Amino acid sequence: MPSRLHPEDQKRVDEYLSSPVHRVERRPFRVWILIALVAGSVIGLGLLSRLLAQFAVA
């Protein structure tokens, strides 16, 4: 898709994005850690809700 910017504006955007500030090395994304965190949160909150329900019923 062609840019909708003027060529000189596109050049400035390209220079800005290629600056060292925007070239931070990041660790690879690990989906299994995210899944484990979400599952742990759901299980933990589920157990907490069951515990609170036991106190409310008793």
PDB file of N, CA and C in Angstrom:
ATOM      1  N   MET A   1       0.848  -1.172   0.000  1.00  0.00           N
ATOM      2  CA  MET A   1       0.000   0.000   0.000  1.00  0.00           C
ATOM      3  C   MET A   1       0.893   1.234   0.000  1.00  0.00           C
ATOM      4  N   PRO A   2       0.686   2.124  -0.937  1.00  0.00           N
ATOM      5  CA  PRO A   2       1.527   3.317  -1.003  1.00  0.00           C
ATOM      6  C   PRO A   2       1.245   4.258   0.171  1.00  0.00           C
ATOM      7  N   SER A   3       2.270   5.000   0.537  1.00  0.00           N
ATOM      8  CA  SER A   3       2.141   5.936   1.653  1.00  0.00           C
ATOM      9  C   SER A   3       1.294   7.125   1.248  1.00  0.00           C
ATOM     10  N   ARG A   4       0.502   7.614   2.206  1.00  0.00           N
ATOM     11  CA  ARG A   4      -0.320   8.791   1.934  1.00  0.00           C
ATOM     12  C   ARG A   4       0.410  10.075   2.312  1.00  0.00           C
ATOM     13  N   LEU A   5       1.638   9.920   2.802  1.00  0.00           N
ATOM     14  CA  LEU A   5       2.424  11.088   3.174  1.00  0.00           C
ATOM     15  C   LEU A   5       3.173  11.633   1.972  1.00  0.00           C
ATOM     16  N   HIS A   6       3.541  12.893   2.083  1.00  0.00           N
ATOM     17  CA  HIS A   6       4.419  13.473   1.068  1.00  0.00           C
ATOM     18  C   HIS A   6       5.784  12.815   1.214  1.00  0.00           C
ATOM     19  N   PRO A   7       6.542  12.747   0.147  1.00  0.00           N
ATOM     20  CA  PRO A   7       7.840  12.061   0.212  1.00  0.00           C
ATOM     21  C   PRO A   7       8.776  12.605   1.298  1.00  0.00           C
ATOM     22  N   GLU A   8       8.804  13.921   1.489  1.00  0.00           N
ATOM     23  CA  GLU A   8       9.700  14.467   2.510  1.00  0.00           C
ATOM     24  C   GLU A   8       9.211  14.113   3.921  1.00  0.00           C
ATOM     25  N   ASP A   9       7.886  14.055   4.114  1.00  0.00           N
ATOM     26  CA  ASP A   9       7.353  13.648   5.412  1.00  0.00           C
ATOM     27  C   ASP A   9       7.631  12.165   5.666  1.00  0.00           C
ATOM     28  N   GLN A  10       7.482  11.358   4.634  1.00  0.00           N
ATOM     29  CA  GLN A  10       7.759   9.926   4.774  1.00  0.00           C
ATOM     30  C   GLN A  10       9.235   9.705   5.103  1.00  0.00           C
ATOM     31  N   LYS A  11      10.107  10.508   4.508  1.00  0.00           N
ATOM     32  CA  LYS A  11      11.535  10.393   4.793  1.00  0.00           C
ATOM     33  C   LYS A  11      11.802  10.701   6.264  1.00  0.00           C
ATOM     34  N   ARG A  12      11.157  11.741   6.809  1.00  0.00           N
ATOM     35  CA  ARG A  12      11.343  12.082   8.224  1.00  0.00           C
ATOM     36  C   ARG A  12      10.809  10.976   9.132  1.00  0.00           C
ATOM     37  N   VAL A  13       9.684  10.394   8.770  1.00  0.00           N
ATOM     38  CA  VAL A  13       9.129   9.287   9.561  1.00  0.00           C
ATOM     39  C   VAL A  13      10.075   8.096   9.534  1.00  0.00           C
ATOM     40  N   ASP A  14      10.603   7.763   8.391  1.00  0.00           N
ATOM     41  CA  ASP A  14      11.539   6.646   8.273  1.00  0.00           C
ATOM     42  C   ASP A  14      12.804   6.897   9.090  1.00  0.00           C
ATOM     43  N   GLU A  15      13.320   8.126   9.068  1.00  0.00           N
ATOM     44  CA  GLU A  15      14.508   8.457   9.863  1.00  0.00           C
ATOM     45  C   GLU A  15      14.205   8.331  11.352  1.00  0.00           C
ATOM     46  N   TYR A  16      13.044   8.786  11.773  1.00  0.00           N
ATOM     47  CA  TYR A  16      12.658   8.713  13.181  1.00  0.00           C
ATOM     48  C   TYR A  16      12.538   7.259  13.640  1.00  0.00           C
ATOM     49  N   LEU A  17      11.902   6.422  12.824  1.00  0.00           N
ATOM     50  CA  LEU A  17      11.706   5.027  13.200  1.00  0.00           C
ATOM     51  C   LEU A  17      12.998   4.224  13.147  1.00  0.00           C
ATOM     52  N   SER A  18      13.968   4.664  12.375  1.00  0.00           N
ATOM     53  CA  SER A  18      15.234   3.935  12.296  1.00  0.00           C
ATOM     54  C   SER A  18      16.255   4.450  13.306  1.00  0.00           C
ATOM     55  N   SER A  19      15.861   5.400  14.149  1.00  0.00           N
ATOM     56  CA  SER A  19      16.784   5.913  15.162  1.00  0.00           C
ATOM     57  C   SER A  19      17.065   4.829  16.196  1.00  0.00           C
ATOM     58  N   PRO A  20      18.190   4.936  16.907  1.00  0.00           N
ATOM     59  CA  PRO A  20      18.567   3.885  17.877  1.00  0.00           C
ATOM     60  C   PRO A  20      17.554   3.696  19.004  1.00  0.00           C
ATOM     61  N   VAL A  21      16.775   4.698  19.311  1.00  0.00           N
ATOM     62  CA  VAL A  21      15.791   4.588  20.388  1.00  0.00           C
ATOM     63  C   VAL A  21      14.763   3.513  20.067  1.00  0.00           C
ATOM     64  N   HIS A  22      14.456   3.330  18.815  1.00  0.00           N
ATOM     65  CA  HIS A  22      13.422   2.387  18.404  1.00  0.00           C
ATOM     66  C   HIS A  22      13.974   1.027  18.003  1.00  0.00           C
ATOM     67  N   ARG A  23      15.220   0.778  18.286  1.00  0.00           N
ATOM     68  CA  ARG A  23      15.832  -0.504  17.939  1.00  0.00           C
ATOM     69  C   ARG A  23      16.245  -1.251  19.200  1.00  0.00           C
ATOM     70  N   VAL A  24      15.319  -1.414  20.109  1.00  0.00           N
ATOM     71  CA  VAL A  24      15.582  -2.098  21.372  1.00  0.00           C
ATOM     72  C   VAL A  24      15.468  -3.601  21.143  1.00  0.00           C
ATOM     73  N   GLU A  25      16.491  -4.325  21.577  1.00  0.00           N
ATOM     74  CA  GLU A  25      16.457  -5.777  21.458  1.00  0.00           C
ATOM     75  C   GLU A  25      15.522  -6.339  22.517  1.00  0.00           C
ATOM     76  N   ARG A  26      14.606  -7.160  22.117  1.00  0.00           N
ATOM     77  CA  ARG A  26      13.650  -7.761  23.031  1.00  0.00           C
ATOM     78  C   ARG A  26      13.788  -9.274  22.993  1.00  0.00           C
ATOM     79  N   ARG A  27      13.441  -9.875  24.125  1.00  0.00           N
ATOM     80  CA  ARG A  27      13.435 -11.335  24.157  1.00  0.00           C
ATOM     81  C   ARG A  27      12.283 -11.829  23.295  1.00  0.00           C
ATOM     82  N   PRO A  28      12.384 -13.026  22.752  1.00  0.00           N
ATOM     83  CA  PRO A  28      11.277 -13.545  21.947  1.00  0.00           C
ATOM     84  C   PRO A  28      10.027 -13.754  22.804  1.00  0.00           C
ATOM     85  N   PHE A  29       8.888 -13.551  22.198  1.00  0.00           N
ATOM     86  CA  PHE A  29       7.613 -13.721  22.889  1.00  0.00           C
ATOM     87  C   PHE A  29       7.390 -15.200  23.168  1.00  0.00           C
ATOM     88  N   ARG A  30       7.037 -15.515  24.402  1.00  0.00           N
ATOM     89  CA  ARG A  30       6.819 -16.911  24.795  1.00  0.00           C
ATOM     90  C   ARG A  30       5.367 -17.090  25.168  1.00  0.00           C
ATOM     91  N   VAL A  31       4.640 -17.712  24.268  1.00  0.00           N
ATOM     92  CA  VAL A  31       3.202 -17.856  24.451  1.00  0.00           C
ATOM     93  C   VAL A  31       2.875 -18.771  25.628  1.00  0.00           C
ATOM     94  N   TRP A  32       3.726 -19.750  25.916  1.00  0.00           N
ATOM     95  CA  TRP A  32       3.423 -20.689  27.001  1.00  0.00           C
ATOM     96  C   TRP A  32       3.457 -20.006  28.363  1.00  0.00           C
ATOM     97  N   ILE A  33       4.319 -19.019  28.521  1.00  0.00           N
ATOM     98  CA  ILE A  33       4.347 -18.275  29.786  1.00  0.00           C
ATOM     99  C   ILE A  33       3.050 -17.486  29.952  1.00  0.00           C
ATOM    100  N   LEU A  34       2.578 -16.886  28.887  1.00  0.00           N
ATOM    101  CA  LEU A  34       1.316 -16.136  28.931  1.00  0.00           C
ATOM    102  C   LEU A  34       0.157 -17.068  29.265  1.00  0.00           C
ATOM    103  N   ILE A  35       0.113 -18.234  28.622  1.00  0.00           N
ATOM    104  CA  ILE A  35      -0.960 -19.194  28.889  1.00  0.00           C
ATOM    105  C   ILE A  35      -0.909 -19.658  30.339  1.00  0.00           C
ATOM    106  N   ALA A  36       0.300 -19.919  30.858  1.00  0.00           N
ATOM    107  CA  ALA A  36       0.444 -20.352  32.251  1.00  0.00           C
ATOM    108  C   ALA A  36      -0.011 -19.258  33.213  1.00  0.00           C
ATOM    109  N   LEU A  37       0.319 -18.013  32.931  1.00  0.00           N
ATOM    110  CA  LEU A  37      -0.111 -16.909  33.791  1.00  0.00           C
ATOM    111  C   LEU A  37      -1.623 -16.743  33.779  1.00  0.00           C
ATOM    112  N   VAL A  38      -2.219 -16.830  32.620  1.00  0.00           N
ATOM    113  CA  VAL A  38      -3.680 -16.694  32.525  1.00  0.00           C
ATOM    114  C   VAL A  38      -4.361 -17.867  33.226  1.00  0.00           C
ATOM    115  N   ALA A  39      -3.888 -19.078  32.981  1.00  0.00           N
ATOM    116  CA  ALA A  39      -4.488 -20.259  33.624  1.00  0.00           C
ATOM    117  C   ALA A  39      -4.304 -20.190  35.135  1.00  0.00           C
ATOM    118  N   GLY A  40      -3.124 -19.801  35.601  1.00  0.00           N
ATOM    119  CA  GLY A  40      -2.887 -19.672  37.031  1.00  0.00           C
ATOM    120  C   GLY A  40      -3.792 -18.631  37.669  1.00  0.00           C
ATOM    121  N   SER A  41      -4.007 -17.518  36.978  1.00  0.00           N
ATOM    122  CA  SER A  41      -4.889 -16.479  37.503  1.00  0.00           C
ATOM    123  C   SER A  41      -6.326 -16.971  37.585  1.00  0.00           C
ATOM    124  N   VAL A  42      -6.788 -17.651  36.549  1.00  0.00           N
ATOM    125  CA  VAL A  42      -8.165 -18.153  36.538  1.00  0.00           C
ATOM    126  C   VAL A  42      -8.358 -19.198  37.634  1.00  0.00           C
ATOM    127  N   ILE A  43      -7.415 -20.104  37.770  1.00  0.00           N
ATOM    128  CA  ILE A  43      -7.519 -21.139  38.804  1.00  0.00           C
ATOM    129  C   ILE A  43      -7.459 -20.507  40.194  1.00  0.00           C
ATOM    130  N   GLY A  44      -6.529 -19.582  40.394  1.00  0.00           N
ATOM    131  CA  GLY A  44      -6.405 -18.916  41.681  1.00  0.00           C
ATOM    132  C   GLY A  44      -7.659 -18.145  42.066  1.00  0.00           C
ATOM    133  N   LEU A  45      -8.207 -17.401  41.133  1.00  0.00           N
ATOM    134  CA  LEU A  45      -9.427 -16.643  41.416  1.00  0.00           C
ATOM    135  C   LEU A  45     -10.613 -17.583  41.627  1.00  0.00           C
ATOM    136  N   GLY A  46     -10.643 -18.696  40.906  1.00  0.00           N
ATOM    137  CA  GLY A  46     -11.706 -19.683  41.109  1.00  0.00           C
ATOM    138  C   GLY A  46     -11.640 -20.293  42.495  1.00  0.00           C
ATOM    139  N   LEU A  47     -10.444 -20.650  42.943  1.00  0.00           N
ATOM    140  CA  LEU A  47     -10.286 -21.193  44.288  1.00  0.00           C
ATOM    141  C   LEU A  47     -10.646 -20.157  45.352  1.00  0.00           C
ATOM    142  N   LEU A  48     -10.254 -18.917  45.125  1.00  0.00           N
ATOM    143  CA  LEU A  48     -10.597 -17.849  46.060  1.00  0.00           C
ATOM    144  C   LEU A  48     -12.110 -17.654  46.139  1.00  0.00           C
ATOM    145  N   SER A  49     -12.777 -17.703  45.007  1.00  0.00           N
ATOM    146  CA  SER A  49     -14.239 -17.535  45.022  1.00  0.00           C
ATOM    147  C   SER A  49     -14.936 -18.695  45.733  1.00  0.00           C
ATOM    148  N   ARG A  50     -14.399 -19.917  45.560  1.00  0.00           N
ATOM    149  CA  ARG A  50     -14.975 -21.067  46.292  1.00  0.00           C
ATOM    150  C   ARG A  50     -14.755 -20.925  47.794  1.00  0.00           C
ATOM    151  N   LEU A  51     -13.592 -20.447  48.187  1.00  0.00           N
ATOM    152  CA  LEU A  51     -13.297 -20.235  49.606  1.00  0.00           C
ATOM    153  C   LEU A  51     -14.232 -19.185  50.201  1.00  0.00           C
ATOM    154  N   LEU A  52     -14.420 -18.089  49.476  1.00  0.00           N
ATOM    155  CA  LEU A  52     -15.326 -17.047  49.950  1.00  0.00           C
ATOM    156  C   LEU A  52     -16.766 -17.539  49.984  1.00  0.00           C
ATOM    157  N   ALA A  53     -17.148 -18.383  49.053  1.00  0.00           N
ATOM    158  CA  ALA A  53     -18.499 -18.933  49.047  1.00  0.00           C
ATOM    159  C   ALA A  53     -18.709 -19.838  50.244  1.00  0.00           C
ATOM    160  N   GLN A  54     -17.687 -20.599  50.641  1.00  0.00           N
ATOM    161  CA  GLN A  54     -17.806 -21.464  51.812  1.00  0.00           C
ATOM    162  C   GLN A  54     -18.029 -20.628  53.075  1.00  0.00           C
ATOM    163  N   PHE A  55     -17.345 -19.511  53.192  1.00  0.00           N
ATOM    164  CA  PHE A  55     -17.522 -18.644  54.339  1.00  0.00           C
ATOM    165  C   PHE A  55     -18.903 -17.972  54.336  1.00  0.00           C
ATOM    166  N   ALA A  56     -19.414 -17.645  53.160  1.00  0.00           N
ATOM    167  CA  ALA A  56     -20.711 -16.967  53.053  1.00  0.00           C
ATOM    168  C   ALA A  56     -21.849 -17.926  53.366  1.00  0.00           C
ATOM    169  N   VAL A  57     -21.713 -19.195  53.000  1.00  0.00           N
ATOM    170  CA  VAL A  57     -22.780 -20.191  53.221  1.00  0.00           C
ATOM    171  C   VAL A  57     -22.761 -20.648  54.675  1.00  0.00           C
ATOM    172  N   ALA A  58     -21.593 -20.807  55.239  1.00  0.00           N
ATOM    173  CA  ALA A  58     -21.475 -21.353  56.600  1.00  0.00           C
ATOM    174  C   ALA A  58     -21.926 -20.390  57.667  1.00  0.00           C
TER     175      ALA A  58
END
